[in-house]
C-alpha cells in the first residue's frame, strides 16, 4: 500500500513539473528538457543555437523560473485560479 502511495505522489510530482514546463518560455523549457534527457552543454547550445558558455546561466535561470512556478501552483489548481483567488 505504501508503494502505491509513493508511486502516486511521484506521478503527481511529474505531472506538476510537466505542466510547469509548458508555462515556461520555450527556450527555458527546451533547455531543461534537453538536460533532463542527458544532453551535454554543447548539445544544448547546438539545439538552441547559442554559444556553449551561455548554457550554464540559461539553465540556472530556467531552474529558478521552474522552481518558482512549482512553488506558486498549489496541486490541482491552475495558475489562473490561484491568481483569481489572491485578487479577491
PDB file of N, CA and C in Angstrom:
ATOM      1  N   UNK A   1       0.820  -1.194   0.000  1.00  0.00           N
ATOM      2  CA  UNK A   1       0.000   0.000   0.000  1.00  0.00           C
ATOM      3  C   UNK A   1       0.864   1.258   0.000  1.00  0.00           C
ATOM      4  N   UNK A   2       1.957   1.256   0.775  1.00  0.00           N
ATOM      5  CA  UNK A   2       2.829   2.420   0.804  1.00  0.00           C
ATOM      6  C   UNK A   2       3.489   2.646  -0.546  1.00  0.00           C
ATOM      7  N   UNK A   3       3.831   1.559  -1.217  1.00  0.00           N
ATOM      8  CA  UNK A   3       4.435   1.701  -2.539  1.00  0.00           C
ATOM      9  C   UNK A   3       3.478   2.378  -3.512  1.00  0.00           C
ATOM     10  N   UNK A   4       2.223   2.019  -3.463  1.00  0.00           N
ATOM     11  CA  UNK A   4       1.232   2.628  -4.352  1.00  0.00           C
ATOM     12  C   UNK A   4       1.102   4.115  -4.063  1.00  0.00           C
ATOM     13  N   UNK A   5       1.102   4.489  -2.799  1.00  0.00           N
ATOM     14  CA  UNK A   5       1.007   5.905  -2.438  1.00  0.00           C
ATOM     15  C   UNK A   5       2.236   6.666  -2.905  1.00  0.00           C
ATOM     16  N   UNK A   6       3.411   6.078  -2.756  1.00  0.00           N
ATOM     17  CA  UNK A   6       4.639   6.727  -3.200  1.00  0.00           C
ATOM     18  C   UNK A   6       4.644   6.880  -4.715  1.00  0.00           C
ATOM     19  N   UNK A   7       4.192   5.865  -5.423  1.00  0.00           N
ATOM     20  CA  UNK A   7       4.135   5.942  -6.879  1.00  0.00           C
ATOM     21  C   UNK A   7       3.163   7.019  -7.323  1.00  0.00           C
ATOM     22  N   UNK A   8       2.019   7.113  -6.647  1.00  0.00           N
ATOM     23  CA  UNK A   8       1.041   8.146  -6.970  1.00  0.00           C
ATOM     24  C   UNK A   8       1.623   9.523  -6.720  1.00  0.00           C
ATOM     25  N   UNK A   9       2.321   9.712  -5.603  1.00  0.00           N
ATOM     26  CA  UNK A   9       2.926  11.005  -5.293  1.00  0.00           C
ATOM     27  C   UNK A   9       3.941  11.377  -6.362  1.00  0.00           C
ATOM     28  N   UNK A  10       4.753  10.421  -6.802  1.00  0.00           N
ATOM     29  CA  UNK A  10       5.733  10.705  -7.855  1.00  0.00           C
ATOM     30  C   UNK A  10       5.020  11.075  -9.150  1.00  0.00           C
ATOM     31  N   UNK A  11       3.925  10.410  -9.465  1.00  0.00           N
ATOM     32  CA  UNK A  11       3.187  10.710 -10.687  1.00  0.00           C
ATOM     33  C   UNK A  11       2.668  12.132 -10.647  1.00  0.00           C
ATOM     34  N   UNK A  12       2.099  12.554  -9.518  1.00  0.00           N
ATOM     35  CA  UNK A  12       1.609  13.919  -9.404  1.00  0.00           C
ATOM     36  C   UNK A  12       2.745  14.913  -9.524  1.00  0.00           C
ATOM     37  N   UNK A  13       3.901  14.599  -8.923  1.00  0.00           N
ATOM     38  CA  UNK A  13       5.049  15.485  -8.997  1.00  0.00           C
ATOM     39  C   UNK A  13       5.500  15.648 -10.445  1.00  0.00           C
ATOM     40  N   UNK A  14       5.547  14.554 -11.184  1.00  0.00           N
ATOM     41  CA  UNK A  14       5.962  14.612 -12.576  1.00  0.00           C
ATOM     42  C   UNK A  14       4.951  15.406 -13.386  1.00  0.00           C
ATOM     43  N   UNK A  15       3.671  15.182 -13.157  1.00  0.00           N
ATOM     44  CA  UNK A  15       2.658  15.928 -13.893  1.00  0.00           C
ATOM     45  C   UNK A  15       2.767  17.409 -13.596  1.00  0.00           C
ATOM     46  N   UNK A  16       2.994  17.784 -12.341  1.00  0.00           N
ATOM     47  CA  UNK A  16       3.130  19.187 -11.997  1.00  0.00           C
ATOM     48  C   UNK A  16       4.332  19.804 -12.701  1.00  0.00           C
ATOM     49  N   UNK A  17       5.447  19.082 -12.739  1.00  0.00           N
ATOM     50  CA  UNK A  17       6.644  19.590 -13.392  1.00  0.00           C
ATOM     51  C   UNK A  17       6.393  19.736 -14.887  1.00  0.00           C
ATOM     52  N   UNK A  18       5.741  18.760 -15.481  1.00  0.00           N
ATOM     53  CA  UNK A  18       5.441  18.816 -16.912  1.00  0.00           C
ATOM     54  C   UNK A  18       4.530  20.002 -17.216  1.00  0.00           C
ATOM     55  N   UNK A  19       3.529  20.215 -16.372  1.00  0.00           N
ATOM     56  CA  UNK A  19       2.626  21.357 -16.555  1.00  0.00           C
ATOM     57  C   UNK A  19       3.393  22.666 -16.424  1.00  0.00           C
ATOM     58  N   UNK A  20       4.278  22.742 -15.436  1.00  0.00           N
ATOM     59  CA  UNK A  20       5.057  23.955 -15.222  1.00  0.00           C
ATOM     60  C   UNK A  20       5.999  24.207 -16.399  1.00  0.00           C
ATOM     61  N   UNK A  21       6.602  23.160 -16.943  1.00  0.00           N
ATOM     62  CA  UNK A  21       7.477  23.322 -18.110  1.00  0.00           C
ATOM     63  C   UNK A  21       6.730  23.962 -19.276  1.00  0.00           C
ATOM     64  N   UNK A  22       5.470  23.597 -19.433  1.00  0.00           N
ATOM     65  CA  UNK A  22       4.668  24.157 -20.524  1.00  0.00           C
ATOM     66  C   UNK A  22       4.426  25.648 -20.349  1.00  0.00           C
ATOM     67  N   UNK A  23       4.523  26.133 -19.116  1.00  0.00           N
ATOM     68  CA  UNK A  23       4.296  27.548 -18.852  1.00  0.00           C
ATOM     69  C   UNK A  23       5.552  28.400 -19.028  1.00  0.00           C
ATOM     70  N   UNK A  24       6.709  27.750 -19.098  1.00  0.00           N
ATOM     71  CA  UNK A  24       7.961  28.476 -19.283  1.00  0.00           C
ATOM     72  C   UNK A  24       8.109  28.953 -20.721  1.00  0.00           C
ATOM     73  N   UNK A  25       8.884  30.024 -20.924  1.00  0.00           N
ATOM     74  CA  UNK A  25       9.231  30.383 -22.297  1.00  0.00           C
ATOM     75  C   UNK A  25       9.914  29.192 -22.975  1.00  0.00           C
ATOM     76  N   UNK A  26       9.725  29.060 -24.267  1.00  0.00           N
ATOM     77  CA  UNK A  26      10.166  27.875 -24.993  1.00  0.00           C
ATOM     78  C   UNK A  26      11.650  27.568 -24.812  1.00  0.00           C
ATOM     79  N   UNK A  27      12.500  28.577 -24.850  1.00  0.00           N
ATOM     80  CA  UNK A  27      13.940  28.333 -24.734  1.00  0.00           C
ATOM     81  C   UNK A  27      14.287  27.689 -23.399  1.00  0.00           C
ATOM     82  N   UNK A  28      13.709  28.184 -22.318  1.00  0.00           N
ATOM     83  CA  UNK A  28      13.975  27.611 -20.995  1.00  0.00           C
ATOM     84  C   UNK A  28      13.454  26.179 -20.916  1.00  0.00           C
ATOM     85  N   UNK A  29      12.245  25.967 -21.406  1.00  0.00           N
ATOM     86  CA  UNK A  29      11.654  24.625 -21.361  1.00  0.00           C
ATOM     87  C   UNK A  29      12.482  23.644 -22.186  1.00  0.00           C
ATOM     88  N   UNK A  30      12.916  24.061 -23.362  1.00  0.00           N
ATOM     89  CA  UNK A  30      13.726  23.172 -24.211  1.00  0.00           C
ATOM     90  C   UNK A  30      15.054  22.851 -23.553  1.00  0.00           C
ATOM     91  N   UNK A  31      15.694  23.869 -22.962  1.00  0.00           N
ATOM     92  CA  UNK A  31      16.981  23.642 -22.305  1.00  0.00           C
ATOM     93  C   UNK A  31      16.840  22.638 -21.166  1.00  0.00           C
ATOM     94  N   UNK A  32      15.814  22.806 -20.337  1.00  0.00           N
ATOM     95  CA  UNK A  32      15.610  21.881 -19.220  1.00  0.00           C
ATOM     96  C   UNK A  32      15.272  20.481 -19.705  1.00  0.00           C
ATOM     97  N   UNK A  33      14.473  20.392 -20.747  1.00  0.00           N
ATOM     98  CA  UNK A  33      14.102  19.091 -21.297  1.00  0.00           C
ATOM     99  C   UNK A  33      15.323  18.383 -21.875  1.00  0.00           C
ATOM    100  N   UNK A  34      16.130  19.126 -22.610  1.00  0.00           N
ATOM    101  CA  UNK A  34      17.341  18.528 -23.180  1.00  0.00           C
ATOM    102  C   UNK A  34      18.285  18.058 -22.078  1.00  0.00           C
ATOM    103  N   UNK A  35      18.482  18.882 -21.045  1.00  0.00           N
ATOM    104  CA  UNK A  35      19.347  18.474 -19.940  1.00  0.00           C
ATOM    105  C   UNK A  35      18.783  17.224 -19.267  1.00  0.00           C
ATOM    106  N   UNK A  36      17.464  17.182 -19.093  1.00  0.00           N
ATOM    107  CA  UNK A  36      16.827  16.018 -18.490  1.00  0.00           C
ATOM    108  C   UNK A  36      17.019  14.744 -19.291  1.00  0.00           C
ATOM    109  N   UNK A  37      17.221  14.891 -20.574  1.00  0.00           N
ATOM    110  CA  UNK A  37      17.462  13.734 -21.448  1.00  0.00           C
ATOM    111  C   UNK A  37      18.934  13.378 -21.527  1.00  0.00           C
ATOM    112  N   UNK A  38      19.762  14.108 -20.773  1.00  0.00           N
ATOM    113  CA  UNK A  38      21.182  13.794 -20.730  1.00  0.00           C
ATOM    114  C   UNK A  38      22.044  14.529 -21.738  1.00  0.00           C
ATOM    115  N   UNK A  39      21.500  15.552 -22.381  1.00  0.00           N
ATOM    116  CA  UNK A  39      22.274  16.302 -23.370  1.00  0.00           C
ATOM    117  C   UNK A  39      23.397  17.081 -22.686  1.00  0.00           C
ATOM    118  N   UNK A  40      24.521  17.160 -23.351  1.00  0.00           N
ATOM    119  CA  UNK A  40      25.656  17.921 -22.843  1.00  0.00           C
ATOM    120  C   UNK A  40      25.408  19.413 -23.079  1.00  0.00           C
ATOM    121  N   UNK A  41      26.150  20.266 -22.386  1.00  0.00           N
ATOM    122  CA  UNK A  41      26.031  21.707 -22.664  1.00  0.00           C
ATOM    123  C   UNK A  41      26.266  22.035 -24.142  1.00  0.00           C
ATOM    124  N   UNK A  42      27.212  21.356 -24.770  1.00  0.00           N
ATOM    125  CA  UNK A  42      27.466  21.594 -26.199  1.00  0.00           C
ATOM    126  C   UNK A  42      26.253  21.194 -27.042  1.00  0.00           C
ATOM    127  N   UNK A  43      25.613  20.085 -26.691  1.00  0.00           N
ATOM    128  CA  UNK A  43      24.416  19.652 -27.422  1.00  0.00           C
ATOM    129  C   UNK A  43      23.277  20.644 -27.232  1.00  0.00           C
ATOM    130  N   UNK A  44      23.106  21.105 -25.995  1.00  0.00           N
ATOM    131  CA  UNK A  44      22.044  22.078 -25.701  1.00  0.00           C
ATOM    132  C   UNK A  44      22.301  23.357 -26.488  1.00  0.00           C
ATOM    133  N   UNK A  45      23.541  23.831 -26.481  1.00  0.00           N
ATOM    134  CA  UNK A  45      23.899  25.042 -27.221  1.00  0.00           C
ATOM    135  C   UNK A  45      23.587  24.879 -28.707  1.00  0.00           C
ATOM    136  N   UNK A  46      23.935  23.730 -29.259  1.00  0.00           N
ATOM    137  CA  UNK A  46      23.657  23.480 -30.669  1.00  0.00           C
ATOM    138  C   UNK A  46      22.178  23.474 -30.991  1.00  0.00           C
ATOM    139  N   UNK A  47      21.398  22.833 -30.128  1.00  0.00           N
ATOM    140  CA  UNK A  47      19.937  22.773 -30.341  1.00  0.00           C
ATOM    141  C   UNK A  47      19.288  24.148 -30.232  1.00  0.00           C
ATOM    142  N   UNK A  48      19.800  24.978 -29.325  1.00  0.00           N
ATOM    143  CA  UNK A  48      19.200  26.294 -29.089  1.00  0.00           C
ATOM    144  C   UNK A  48      19.866  27.400 -29.902  1.00  0.00           C
ATOM    145  N   UNK A  49      20.909  27.041 -30.635  1.00  0.00           N
ATOM    146  CA  UNK A  49      21.658  27.997 -31.447  1.00  0.00           C
ATOM    147  C   UNK A  49      22.206  29.152 -30.604  1.00  0.00           C
ATOM    148  N   UNK A  50      22.865  28.767 -29.505  1.00  0.00           N
ATOM    149  CA  UNK A  50      23.517  29.731 -28.628  1.00  0.00           C
ATOM    150  C   UNK A  50      24.947  29.249 -28.378  1.00  0.00           C
ATOM    151  N   UNK A  51      25.793  30.137 -27.850  1.00  0.00           N
ATOM    152  CA  UNK A  51      27.156  29.722 -27.525  1.00  0.00           C
ATOM    153  C   UNK A  51      27.122  28.846 -26.281  1.00  0.00           C
ATOM    154  N   UNK A  52      28.037  27.904 -26.209  1.00  0.00           N
ATOM    155  CA  UNK A  52      28.044  26.937 -25.109  1.00  0.00           C
ATOM    156  C   UNK A  52      28.223  27.632 -23.755  1.00  0.00           C
ATOM    157  N   UNK A  53      28.931  28.755 -23.711  1.00  0.00           N
ATOM    158  CA  UNK A  53      29.123  29.479 -22.451  1.00  0.00           C
ATOM    159  C   UNK A  53      27.818  30.038 -21.891  1.00  0.00           C
ATOM    160  N   UNK A  54      26.816  30.177 -22.731  1.00  0.00           N
ATOM    161  CA  UNK A  54      25.524  30.702 -22.281  1.00  0.00           C
ATOM    162  C   UNK A  54      24.644  29.627 -21.652  1.00  0.00           C
ATOM    163  N   UNK A  55      25.006  28.362 -21.819  1.00  0.00           N
ATOM    164  CA  UNK A  55      24.146  27.273 -21.339  1.00  0.00           C
ATOM    165  C   UNK A  55      24.044  27.233 -19.812  1.00  0.00           C
ATOM    166  N   UNK A  56      25.153  27.254 -19.050  1.00  0.00           N
ATOM    167  CA  UNK A  56      25.004  27.198 -17.585  1.00  0.00           C
ATOM    168  C   UNK A  56      24.141  28.316 -16.996  1.00  0.00           C
ATOM    169  N   UNK A  57      24.345  29.595 -17.396  1.00  0.00           N
ATOM    170  CA  UNK A  57      23.450  30.623 -16.839  1.00  0.00           C
ATOM    171  C   UNK A  57      22.000  30.459 -17.297  1.00  0.00           C
ATOM    172  N   UNK A  58      21.816  30.013 -18.529  1.00  0.00           N
ATOM    173  CA  UNK A  58      20.462  29.770 -19.032  1.00  0.00           C
ATOM    174  C   UNK A  58      19.762  28.710 -18.194  1.00  0.00           C
ATOM    175  N   UNK A  59      20.482  27.636 -17.886  1.00  0.00           N
ATOM    176  CA  UNK A  59      19.899  26.571 -17.073  1.00  0.00           C
ATOM    177  C   UNK A  59      19.620  27.030 -15.645  1.00  0.00           C
ATOM    178  N   UNK A  60      20.503  27.864 -15.084  1.00  0.00           N
ATOM    179  CA  UNK A  60      20.242  28.394 -13.729  1.00  0.00           C
ATOM    180  C   UNK A  60      18.964  29.229 -13.707  1.00  0.00           C
ATOM    181  N   UNK A  61      18.804  30.071 -14.707  1.00  0.00           N
ATOM    182  CA  UNK A  61      17.591  30.902 -14.780  1.00  0.00           C
ATOM    183  C   UNK A  61      16.365  30.020 -14.992  1.00  0.00           C
ATOM    184  N   UNK A  62      16.479  29.057 -15.898  1.00  0.00           N
ATOM    185  CA  UNK A  62      15.356  28.154 -16.177  1.00  0.00           C
ATOM    186  C   UNK A  62      14.970  27.371 -14.927  1.00  0.00           C
ATOM    187  N   UNK A  63      15.973  26.878 -14.184  1.00  0.00           N
ATOM    188  CA  UNK A  63      15.693  26.160 -12.931  1.00  0.00           C
ATOM    189  C   UNK A  63      14.964  27.061 -11.938  1.00  0.00           C
ATOM    190  N   UNK A  64      15.408  28.300 -11.825  1.00  0.00           N
ATOM    191  CA  UNK A  64      14.781  29.239 -10.883  1.00  0.00           C
ATOM    192  C   UNK A  64      13.339  29.528 -11.283  1.00  0.00           C
ATOM    193  N   UNK A  65      13.112  29.738 -12.574  1.00  0.00           N
ATOM    194  CA  UNK A  65      11.746  30.010 -13.045  1.00  0.00           C
ATOM    195  C   UNK A  65      10.844  28.798 -12.821  1.00  0.00           C
ATOM    196  N   UNK A  66      11.362  27.608 -13.094  1.00  0.00           N
ATOM    197  CA  UNK A  66      10.579  26.394 -12.887  1.00  0.00           C
ATOM    198  C   UNK A  66      10.267  26.206 -11.407  1.00  0.00           C
ATOM    199  N   UNK A  67      11.264  26.399 -10.552  1.00  0.00           N
ATOM    200  CA  UNK A  67      11.041  26.257  -9.106  1.00  0.00           C
ATOM    201  C   UNK A  67       9.984  27.238  -8.619  1.00  0.00           C
ATOM    202  N   UNK A  68      10.029  28.454  -9.129  1.00  0.00           N
ATOM    203  CA  UNK A  68       9.037  29.448  -8.715  1.00  0.00           C
ATOM    204  C   UNK A  68       7.627  29.020  -9.134  1.00  0.00           C
ATOM    205  N   UNK A  69       7.505  28.540 -10.359  1.00  0.00           N
ATOM    206  CA  UNK A  69       6.191  28.062 -10.820  1.00  0.00           C
ATOM    207  C   UNK A  69       5.688  26.919  -9.948  1.00  0.00           C
ATOM    208  N   UNK A  70       6.569  25.999  -9.617  1.00  0.00           N
ATOM    209  CA  UNK A  70       6.158  24.847  -8.817  1.00  0.00           C
ATOM    210  C   UNK A  70       5.770  25.264  -7.400  1.00  0.00           C
ATOM    211  N   UNK A  71       6.434  26.266  -6.851  1.00  0.00           N
ATOM    212  CA  UNK A  71       6.076  26.768  -5.512  1.00  0.00           C
ATOM    213  C   UNK A  71       4.749  27.507  -5.522  1.00  0.00           C
ATOM    214  N   UNK A  72       4.480  28.229  -6.598  1.00  0.00           N
ATOM    215  CA  UNK A  72       3.294  29.081  -6.649  1.00  0.00           C
ATOM    216  C   UNK A  72       2.035  28.344  -7.035  1.00  0.00           C
ATOM    217  N   UNK A  73       2.156  27.155  -7.599  1.00  0.00           N
ATOM    218  CA  UNK A  73       0.972  26.431  -8.056  1.00  0.00           C
ATOM    219  C   UNK A  73       0.584  25.345  -7.087  1.00  0.00           C
ATOM    220  N   UNK A  74      -0.432  25.594  -6.273  1.00  0.00           N
ATOM    221  CA  UNK A  74      -0.905  24.514  -5.407  1.00  0.00           C
ATOM    222  C   UNK A  74      -1.406  23.349  -6.259  1.00  0.00           C
ATOM    223  N   UNK A  75      -1.217  22.120  -5.792  1.00  0.00           N
ATOM    224  CA  UNK A  75      -1.660  20.955  -6.565  1.00  0.00           C
ATOM    225  C   UNK A  75      -3.137  21.035  -6.907  1.00  0.00           C
ATOM    226  N   UNK A  76      -3.464  20.716  -8.142  1.00  0.00           N
ATOM    227  CA  UNK A  76      -4.852  20.654  -8.567  1.00  0.00           C
ATOM    228  C   UNK A  76      -5.458  21.986  -8.951  1.00  0.00           C
ATOM    229  N   UNK A  77      -4.662  23.081  -8.869  1.00  0.00           N
ATOM    230  CA  UNK A  77      -5.215  24.384  -9.252  1.00  0.00           C
ATOM    231  C   UNK A  77      -4.345  24.994 -10.328  1.00  0.00           C
ATOM    232  N   UNK A  78      -4.984  25.624 -11.282  1.00  0.00           N
ATOM    233  CA  UNK A  78      -4.227  26.280 -12.340  1.00  0.00           C
ATOM    234  C   UNK A  78      -3.698  27.606 -11.838  1.00  0.00           C
ATOM    235  N   UNK A  79      -2.741  28.179 -12.568  1.00  0.00           N
ATOM    236  CA  UNK A  79      -2.205  29.483 -12.193  1.00  0.00           C
ATOM    237  C   UNK A  79      -3.309  30.532 -12.233  1.00  0.00           C
ATOM    238  N   UNK A  80      -4.216  30.411 -13.180  1.00  0.00           N
ATOM    239  CA  UNK A  80      -5.320  31.367 -13.275  1.00  0.00           C
ATOM    240  C   UNK A  80      -6.208  31.330 -12.047  1.00  0.00           C
ATOM    241  N   UNK A  81      -6.472  30.132 -11.529  1.00  0.00           N
ATOM    242  CA  UNK A  81      -7.295  30.015 -10.323  1.00  0.00           C
ATOM    243  C   UNK A  81      -6.592  30.649  -9.136  1.00  0.00           C
ATOM    244  N   UNK A  82      -5.303  30.400  -8.989  1.00  0.00           N
ATOM    245  CA  UNK A  82      -4.552  30.948  -7.875  1.00  0.00           C
ATOM    246  C   UNK A  82      -4.506  32.470  -7.958  1.00  0.00           C
ATOM    247  N   UNK A  83      -4.320  33.012  -9.156  1.00  0.00           N
ATOM    248  CA  UNK A  83      -4.271  34.459  -9.326  1.00  0.00           C
ATOM    249  C   UNK A  83      -5.619  35.071  -9.003  1.00  0.00           C
ATOM    250  N   UNK A  84      -6.700  34.411  -9.444  1.00  0.00           N
ATOM    251  CA  UNK A  84      -8.050  34.926  -9.180  1.00  0.00           C
ATOM    252  C   UNK A  84      -8.331  34.928  -7.681  1.00  0.00           C
ATOM    253  N   UNK A  85      -7.949  33.850  -6.995  1.00  0.00           N
ATOM    254  CA  UNK A  85      -8.206  33.768  -5.563  1.00  0.00           C
ATOM    255  C   UNK A  85      -7.406  34.803  -4.785  1.00  0.00           C
ATOM    256  N   UNK A  86      -6.163  35.084  -5.217  1.00  0.00           N
ATOM    257  CA  UNK A  86      -5.367  36.058  -4.485  1.00  0.00           C
ATOM    258  C   UNK A  86      -5.838  37.471  -4.765  1.00  0.00           C
ATOM    259  N   UNK A  87      -6.525  37.692  -5.886  1.00  0.00           N
ATOM    260  CA  UNK A  87      -7.039  39.018  -6.226  1.00  0.00           C
ATOM    261  C   UNK A  87      -8.321  39.343  -5.484  1.00  0.00           C
ATOM    262  N   UNK A  88      -8.991  38.307  -4.987  1.00  0.00           N
ATOM    263  CA  UNK A  88     -10.272  38.557  -4.308  1.00  0.00           C
ATOM    264  C   UNK A  88     -10.117  38.635  -2.825  1.00  0.00           C
TER     265      UNK A  88
END
